[in-house]
Structure formats: C-alpha cells, structure tokens
C-alpha cells in the first residue's frame, strides 16, 4: 500500500468567515431610525460612535455596536465639547444605551432570519 494516496475527504462547504462584530450595516440603519438620545429630536438620526471605554484606539473607529442615535446638532456638540463632558452633562451612560440598542437590534435580526427560514421552508414544502 505504499505510494497510494489516501482517498479524498468528502466534499465540505467552504468554512464561513467569522462574523464581523465591528461593522454591522444593519445595526447602523436601525440606530439611524431612532430619535436623538440627547434631545429627543425625531428620526432620522446620525449613528454616533462612542469612543470612551470601547474597543477603539488612536485612529481606530470603535465597533458599530457602540453607536447611539444623535441628531446632527447634538452630534456636532458632542465632538465640539468632548464626549465625557457631553454625556456627563446629560447624565446618560452612552455605553449602556449602545449595549441595549445592540441587544434589541440583534433580536430583530434573529427574528428576521427566522422568518426568512420559515418562508423558505413553506416555499420548498
């Protein structure tokens, strides 16, 4: 049996890439549909990324799970006076808000995918 090549393994699907938790276009779209968390102005809002206490660094934008809805004026003010000053004056913990929005958004994606699977099963069955 020397010199014989072992049989090829059964065909397998290509491995899926690990999910990118730093970028989620659907989550940002969800955040933009919400009113401003600072002043309450109606949507659309801008998805403002919280930098303090997140996975960001110098020159590195934080992951999309750290996005909160801010209107254009509040977003500009946040950049102008600084994050810590902005959020402290409002007595809002932006990381808590971002975390809750991420959880809700993930739940909506899960429900959407489940509905897609149900629709596919109905169509094929």
N, C-alpha and C. Protein backbone atom coordinates (compact mmCIF):
# COMPACT_ATOMS: atom_id res chain seq x y z
N UNK A 1 0.80 -1.18 0.00
CA UNK A 1 0.00 0.00 0.00
C UNK A 1 0.85 1.26 0.00
N UNK A 2 2.15 1.10 -0.01
CA UNK A 2 3.00 2.27 -0.07
C UNK A 2 2.83 2.95 -1.42
N UNK A 3 2.87 4.29 -1.37
CA UNK A 3 2.75 5.04 -2.59
C UNK A 3 1.33 5.36 -2.98
N UNK A 4 0.37 4.76 -2.29
CA UNK A 4 -1.02 5.07 -2.61
C UNK A 4 -1.47 6.30 -1.83
N UNK A 5 -2.19 7.09 -2.50
CA UNK A 5 -2.71 8.31 -1.90
C UNK A 5 -4.01 7.99 -1.16
N UNK A 6 -4.20 8.56 0.02
CA UNK A 6 -5.46 8.31 0.73
C UNK A 6 -6.62 8.93 -0.03
N UNK A 7 -7.81 8.35 0.13
CA UNK A 7 -8.97 8.89 -0.59
C UNK A 7 -9.25 10.33 -0.16
N UNK A 8 -9.80 11.09 -1.11
CA UNK A 8 -10.16 12.47 -0.80
C UNK A 8 -11.26 12.47 0.25
N UNK A 9 -11.21 13.43 1.16
CA UNK A 9 -12.28 13.53 2.16
C UNK A 9 -13.59 13.92 1.48
N UNK A 10 -14.71 13.61 2.10
CA UNK A 10 -15.98 14.01 1.50
C UNK A 10 -16.02 15.52 1.29
N UNK A 11 -16.78 15.94 0.29
CA UNK A 11 -16.89 17.36 -0.04
C UNK A 11 -17.47 18.13 1.14
N UNK A 12 -16.81 19.18 1.47
CA UNK A 12 -17.30 20.04 2.55
C UNK A 12 -17.46 21.45 2.02
N UNK A 13 -18.41 22.14 2.58
CA UNK A 13 -18.60 23.55 2.21
C UNK A 13 -17.41 24.34 2.70
N UNK A 14 -17.13 25.40 2.01
CA UNK A 14 -16.04 26.27 2.44
C UNK A 14 -16.36 26.82 3.82
N UNK A 15 -15.36 26.92 4.67
CA UNK A 15 -15.64 27.45 6.01
C UNK A 15 -16.15 28.88 5.92
N UNK A 16 -17.11 29.18 6.77
CA UNK A 16 -17.66 30.53 6.77
C UNK A 16 -16.73 31.45 7.54
N UNK A 17 -16.66 32.66 7.07
CA UNK A 17 -15.84 33.64 7.76
C UNK A 17 -16.48 33.98 9.11
N UNK A 18 -15.67 34.29 10.06
CA UNK A 18 -16.18 34.66 11.38
C UNK A 18 -16.99 35.95 11.23
N UNK A 19 -18.08 36.08 11.97
CA UNK A 19 -18.88 37.29 11.86
C UNK A 19 -18.08 38.52 12.28
N UNK A 20 -18.30 39.60 11.59
CA UNK A 20 -17.59 40.84 11.88
C UNK A 20 -18.43 41.65 12.86
N UNK A 21 -18.05 41.63 14.13
CA UNK A 21 -18.81 42.34 15.14
C UNK A 21 -18.42 43.81 15.20
N UNK A 22 -17.39 44.20 14.47
CA UNK A 22 -17.01 45.61 14.47
C UNK A 22 -17.85 46.42 13.49
N UNK A 23 -18.32 45.78 12.42
CA UNK A 23 -19.10 46.50 11.42
C UNK A 23 -20.42 45.79 11.18
N UNK A 24 -21.49 46.49 11.37
CA UNK A 24 -22.82 45.95 11.12
C UNK A 24 -23.68 47.04 10.49
N UNK A 25 -23.80 46.99 9.19
CA UNK A 25 -24.56 47.99 8.44
C UNK A 25 -26.02 48.00 8.89
N UNK A 26 -26.59 46.80 9.15
CA UNK A 26 -27.99 46.72 9.56
C UNK A 26 -28.20 47.41 10.91
N UNK A 27 -27.24 47.26 11.80
CA UNK A 27 -27.37 47.88 13.12
C UNK A 27 -27.33 49.41 13.00
N UNK A 28 -26.43 49.92 12.18
CA UNK A 28 -26.36 51.37 12.00
C UNK A 28 -27.64 51.91 11.39
N UNK A 29 -28.23 51.18 10.46
CA UNK A 29 -29.51 51.60 9.87
C UNK A 29 -30.60 51.63 10.95
N UNK A 30 -30.59 50.64 11.84
CA UNK A 30 -31.53 50.59 12.96
C UNK A 30 -31.35 51.81 13.86
N UNK A 31 -30.11 52.14 14.20
CA UNK A 31 -29.83 53.27 15.10
C UNK A 31 -30.29 54.58 14.46
N UNK A 32 -30.08 54.72 13.16
CA UNK A 32 -30.47 55.97 12.48
C UNK A 32 -31.98 56.17 12.44
N UNK A 33 -32.75 55.11 12.64
CA UNK A 33 -34.22 55.22 12.62
C UNK A 33 -34.78 55.69 13.97
N UNK A 34 -33.92 55.87 14.95
CA UNK A 34 -34.35 56.23 16.29
C UNK A 34 -34.23 57.73 16.53
N UNK A 35 -34.99 58.26 17.49
CA UNK A 35 -34.84 59.68 17.84
C UNK A 35 -33.51 59.92 18.56
N UNK A 36 -33.11 61.17 18.60
CA UNK A 36 -31.86 61.55 19.27
C UNK A 36 -31.95 61.21 20.75
N UNK A 37 -30.97 60.50 21.26
CA UNK A 37 -30.96 60.08 22.65
C UNK A 37 -30.67 61.27 23.58
N UNK A 38 -30.10 62.35 23.05
CA UNK A 38 -29.75 63.51 23.88
C UNK A 38 -30.90 64.51 24.01
N UNK A 39 -31.52 64.89 22.88
CA UNK A 39 -32.55 65.93 22.92
C UNK A 39 -33.94 65.43 22.55
N UNK A 40 -34.04 64.22 22.02
CA UNK A 40 -35.34 63.65 21.66
C UNK A 40 -35.85 64.01 20.29
N UNK A 41 -35.06 64.75 19.50
CA UNK A 41 -35.49 65.13 18.15
C UNK A 41 -35.80 63.86 17.35
N UNK A 42 -36.88 63.93 16.57
CA UNK A 42 -37.34 62.77 15.80
C UNK A 42 -36.30 62.32 14.78
N UNK A 43 -36.40 61.05 14.44
CA UNK A 43 -35.51 60.46 13.44
C UNK A 43 -35.74 61.13 12.10
N UNK A 44 -34.80 61.06 11.20
CA UNK A 44 -33.59 60.24 11.26
C UNK A 44 -32.51 60.90 12.11
N UNK A 45 -31.68 60.06 12.67
CA UNK A 45 -30.55 60.50 13.48
C UNK A 45 -29.25 60.05 12.81
N UNK A 46 -28.16 60.50 13.38
CA UNK A 46 -26.85 60.02 12.95
C UNK A 46 -26.41 58.95 13.92
N UNK A 47 -25.70 57.96 13.43
CA UNK A 47 -25.16 56.91 14.30
C UNK A 47 -23.82 57.40 14.83
N UNK A 48 -23.83 57.89 16.08
CA UNK A 48 -22.63 58.43 16.71
C UNK A 48 -21.92 57.32 17.46
N UNK A 49 -20.66 57.12 17.16
CA UNK A 49 -19.88 56.07 17.81
C UNK A 49 -19.27 56.59 19.12
N UNK A 50 -19.48 55.85 20.18
CA UNK A 50 -18.91 56.18 21.48
C UNK A 50 -17.48 55.64 21.50
N UNK A 51 -16.53 56.49 21.81
CA UNK A 51 -15.14 56.08 21.81
C UNK A 51 -14.63 55.71 23.20
N UNK A 52 -15.03 56.48 24.20
CA UNK A 52 -14.53 56.27 25.56
C UNK A 52 -14.99 54.93 26.12
N UNK A 53 -14.04 54.12 26.55
CA UNK A 53 -14.37 52.84 27.17
C UNK A 53 -14.75 51.75 26.20
N UNK A 54 -14.37 51.89 24.92
CA UNK A 54 -14.75 50.89 23.92
C UNK A 54 -13.49 50.26 23.31
N UNK A 55 -13.69 49.58 22.19
CA UNK A 55 -12.60 48.89 21.51
C UNK A 55 -11.84 49.78 20.53
N UNK A 56 -12.00 51.10 20.66
CA UNK A 56 -11.31 51.99 19.73
C UNK A 56 -9.92 52.33 20.25
N UNK A 57 -9.17 52.98 19.41
CA UNK A 57 -7.83 53.43 19.79
C UNK A 57 -7.51 54.67 18.98
N UNK A 58 -6.30 55.11 19.08
CA UNK A 58 -5.90 56.30 18.32
C UNK A 58 -6.00 55.97 16.83
N UNK A 59 -6.84 56.69 16.14
CA UNK A 59 -7.02 56.47 14.71
C UNK A 59 -7.85 55.25 14.37
N UNK A 60 -8.45 54.60 15.37
CA UNK A 60 -9.27 53.42 15.13
C UNK A 60 -10.71 53.71 15.57
N UNK A 61 -11.61 53.64 14.63
CA UNK A 61 -13.03 53.87 14.94
C UNK A 61 -13.57 52.69 15.75
N UNK A 62 -14.40 52.97 16.75
CA UNK A 62 -14.96 51.87 17.54
C UNK A 62 -15.93 51.03 16.71
N UNK A 63 -16.20 49.83 17.19
CA UNK A 63 -17.13 48.95 16.52
C UNK A 63 -18.54 49.53 16.48
N UNK A 64 -19.33 49.09 15.53
CA UNK A 64 -20.68 49.61 15.34
C UNK A 64 -21.61 49.30 16.51
N UNK A 65 -21.25 48.32 17.34
CA UNK A 65 -22.10 48.03 18.49
C UNK A 65 -22.06 49.16 19.51
N UNK A 66 -21.13 50.10 19.35
CA UNK A 66 -21.03 51.25 20.24
C UNK A 66 -21.65 52.51 19.64
N UNK A 67 -22.63 52.36 18.78
CA UNK A 67 -23.28 53.50 18.14
C UNK A 67 -24.57 53.86 18.88
N UNK A 68 -24.80 55.16 19.01
CA UNK A 68 -26.03 55.68 19.61
C UNK A 68 -26.62 56.74 18.68
N UNK A 69 -27.94 56.93 18.72
CA UNK A 69 -28.54 57.92 17.83
C UNK A 69 -28.42 59.35 18.37
N UNK A 70 -27.86 60.24 17.57
CA UNK A 70 -27.79 61.66 17.90
C UNK A 70 -28.22 62.46 16.68
N UNK A 71 -28.96 63.55 16.91
CA UNK A 71 -29.30 64.43 15.80
C UNK A 71 -28.02 65.14 15.36
N UNK A 72 -28.07 65.81 14.23
CA UNK A 72 -26.89 66.47 13.70
C UNK A 72 -26.32 67.49 14.68
N UNK A 73 -27.20 68.29 15.30
CA UNK A 73 -26.74 69.33 16.23
C UNK A 73 -26.08 68.72 17.47
N UNK A 74 -26.69 67.70 18.05
CA UNK A 74 -26.12 67.07 19.24
C UNK A 74 -24.82 66.33 18.92
N UNK A 75 -24.75 65.73 17.75
CA UNK A 75 -23.54 65.02 17.35
C UNK A 75 -22.39 66.02 17.20
N UNK A 76 -22.68 67.16 16.58
CA UNK A 76 -21.65 68.20 16.43
C UNK A 76 -21.22 68.72 17.79
N UNK A 77 -22.18 68.93 18.69
CA UNK A 77 -21.86 69.42 20.04
C UNK A 77 -21.00 68.41 20.79
N UNK A 78 -21.33 67.14 20.64
CA UNK A 78 -20.56 66.08 21.31
C UNK A 78 -19.10 66.14 20.87
N UNK A 79 -18.86 66.35 19.58
CA UNK A 79 -17.49 66.44 19.08
C UNK A 79 -16.82 67.74 19.54
N UNK A 80 -17.60 68.82 19.59
CA UNK A 80 -17.05 70.12 19.93
C UNK A 80 -16.60 70.19 21.40
N UNK A 81 -17.45 69.70 22.33
CA UNK A 81 -17.12 69.84 23.76
C UNK A 81 -16.45 68.60 24.34
N UNK A 82 -16.43 67.53 23.59
CA UNK A 82 -15.81 66.30 24.06
C UNK A 82 -16.84 65.32 24.61
N UNK A 83 -16.57 64.06 24.42
CA UNK A 83 -17.51 63.01 24.83
C UNK A 83 -17.84 63.03 26.31
N UNK A 84 -16.81 63.03 27.13
CA UNK A 84 -17.06 62.94 28.57
C UNK A 84 -17.89 64.10 29.08
N UNK A 85 -17.58 65.30 28.64
CA UNK A 85 -18.34 66.49 29.05
C UNK A 85 -19.77 66.40 28.56
N UNK A 86 -19.94 66.01 27.29
CA UNK A 86 -21.28 65.92 26.68
C UNK A 86 -22.17 64.94 27.44
N UNK A 87 -21.69 63.72 27.64
CA UNK A 87 -22.52 62.70 28.28
C UNK A 87 -22.70 62.98 29.77
N UNK A 88 -21.70 63.53 30.43
CA UNK A 88 -21.83 63.85 31.85
C UNK A 88 -22.90 64.91 32.08
N UNK A 89 -22.93 65.93 31.23
CA UNK A 89 -23.93 66.99 31.37
C UNK A 89 -25.34 66.45 31.21
N UNK A 90 -25.51 65.43 30.38
CA UNK A 90 -26.83 64.83 30.15
C UNK A 90 -27.17 63.75 31.18
N UNK A 91 -26.15 63.32 31.92
CA UNK A 91 -26.31 62.21 32.88
C UNK A 91 -26.81 60.95 32.18
N UNK A 92 -26.18 60.69 31.05
CA UNK A 92 -26.51 59.50 30.25
C UNK A 92 -25.24 58.65 30.15
N UNK A 93 -25.39 57.35 30.33
CA UNK A 93 -24.29 56.43 30.11
C UNK A 93 -24.41 55.91 28.68
N UNK A 94 -23.60 56.43 27.75
CA UNK A 94 -23.76 56.05 26.35
C UNK A 94 -23.43 54.58 26.08
N UNK A 95 -22.56 53.99 26.90
CA UNK A 95 -22.24 52.58 26.72
C UNK A 95 -23.43 51.70 27.06
N UNK A 96 -24.19 52.08 28.07
CA UNK A 96 -25.40 51.34 28.43
C UNK A 96 -26.44 51.45 27.31
N UNK A 97 -26.61 52.66 26.79
CA UNK A 97 -27.56 52.87 25.69
C UNK A 97 -27.14 52.04 24.48
N UNK A 98 -25.86 52.11 24.13
CA UNK A 98 -25.35 51.37 22.97
C UNK A 98 -25.54 49.87 23.15
N UNK A 99 -25.27 49.39 24.35
CA UNK A 99 -25.40 47.96 24.63
C UNK A 99 -26.85 47.50 24.48
N UNK A 100 -27.77 48.29 25.00
CA UNK A 100 -29.20 47.94 24.88
C UNK A 100 -29.66 47.96 23.43
N UNK A 101 -29.21 48.97 22.69
CA UNK A 101 -29.59 49.05 21.27
C UNK A 101 -29.02 47.86 20.49
N UNK A 102 -27.79 47.47 20.81
CA UNK A 102 -27.17 46.33 20.14
C UNK A 102 -27.99 45.06 20.40
N UNK A 103 -28.43 44.89 21.64
CA UNK A 103 -29.22 43.72 22.01
C UNK A 103 -30.55 43.70 21.27
N UNK A 104 -31.23 44.84 21.23
CA UNK A 104 -32.51 44.92 20.52
C UNK A 104 -32.32 44.68 19.03
N UNK A 105 -31.30 45.30 18.47
CA UNK A 105 -31.02 45.15 17.04
C UNK A 105 -30.70 43.70 16.71
N UNK A 106 -29.91 43.03 17.55
CA UNK A 106 -29.58 41.62 17.32
C UNK A 106 -30.84 40.77 17.39
N UNK A 107 -31.73 41.10 18.30
CA UNK A 107 -33.01 40.37 18.39
C UNK A 107 -33.83 40.53 17.13
N UNK A 108 -33.85 41.75 16.59
CA UNK A 108 -34.59 41.98 15.35
C UNK A 108 -33.98 41.19 14.20
N UNK A 109 -32.65 41.13 14.13
CA UNK A 109 -32.00 40.36 13.07
C UNK A 109 -32.32 38.88 13.21
N UNK A 110 -32.35 38.38 14.44
CA UNK A 110 -32.66 36.97 14.68
C UNK A 110 -34.07 36.65 14.23
N UNK A 111 -35.02 37.51 14.58
CA UNK A 111 -36.41 37.31 14.18
C UNK A 111 -36.53 37.37 12.66
N UNK A 112 -35.85 38.32 12.03
CA UNK A 112 -35.89 38.45 10.57
C UNK A 112 -35.37 37.18 9.90
N UNK A 113 -34.22 36.65 10.40
CA UNK A 113 -33.66 35.43 9.82
C UNK A 113 -34.59 34.24 10.02
N UNK A 114 -35.21 34.15 11.17
CA UNK A 114 -36.15 33.05 11.43
C UNK A 114 -37.33 33.13 10.48
N UNK A 115 -37.83 34.32 10.25
CA UNK A 115 -38.95 34.47 9.29
C UNK A 115 -38.52 34.09 7.89
N UNK A 116 -37.30 34.43 7.51
CA UNK A 116 -36.80 34.04 6.20
C UNK A 116 -36.76 32.52 6.08
N UNK A 117 -36.27 31.84 7.12
CA UNK A 117 -36.19 30.39 7.10
C UNK A 117 -37.58 29.76 6.99
N UNK A 118 -38.55 30.32 7.71
CA UNK A 118 -39.92 29.82 7.64
C UNK A 118 -40.48 29.99 6.23
N UNK A 119 -40.25 31.17 5.65
CA UNK A 119 -40.72 31.42 4.30
C UNK A 119 -40.09 30.47 3.29
N UNK A 120 -38.78 30.19 3.45
CA UNK A 120 -38.10 29.26 2.56
C UNK A 120 -38.66 27.85 2.71
N UNK A 121 -38.93 27.46 3.95
CA UNK A 121 -39.47 26.11 4.19
C UNK A 121 -40.86 25.99 3.58
N UNK A 122 -41.67 27.02 3.70
CA UNK A 122 -43.01 26.99 3.11
C UNK A 122 -42.95 26.90 1.58
N UNK A 123 -41.99 27.65 1.01
CA UNK A 123 -41.87 27.70 -0.45
C UNK A 123 -41.37 26.36 -1.01
N UNK A 124 -40.52 25.66 -0.26
CA UNK A 124 -39.98 24.40 -0.77
C UNK A 124 -40.84 23.19 -0.38
N UNK A 125 -41.73 23.38 0.56
CA UNK A 125 -42.51 22.24 1.06
C UNK A 125 -43.87 22.19 0.57
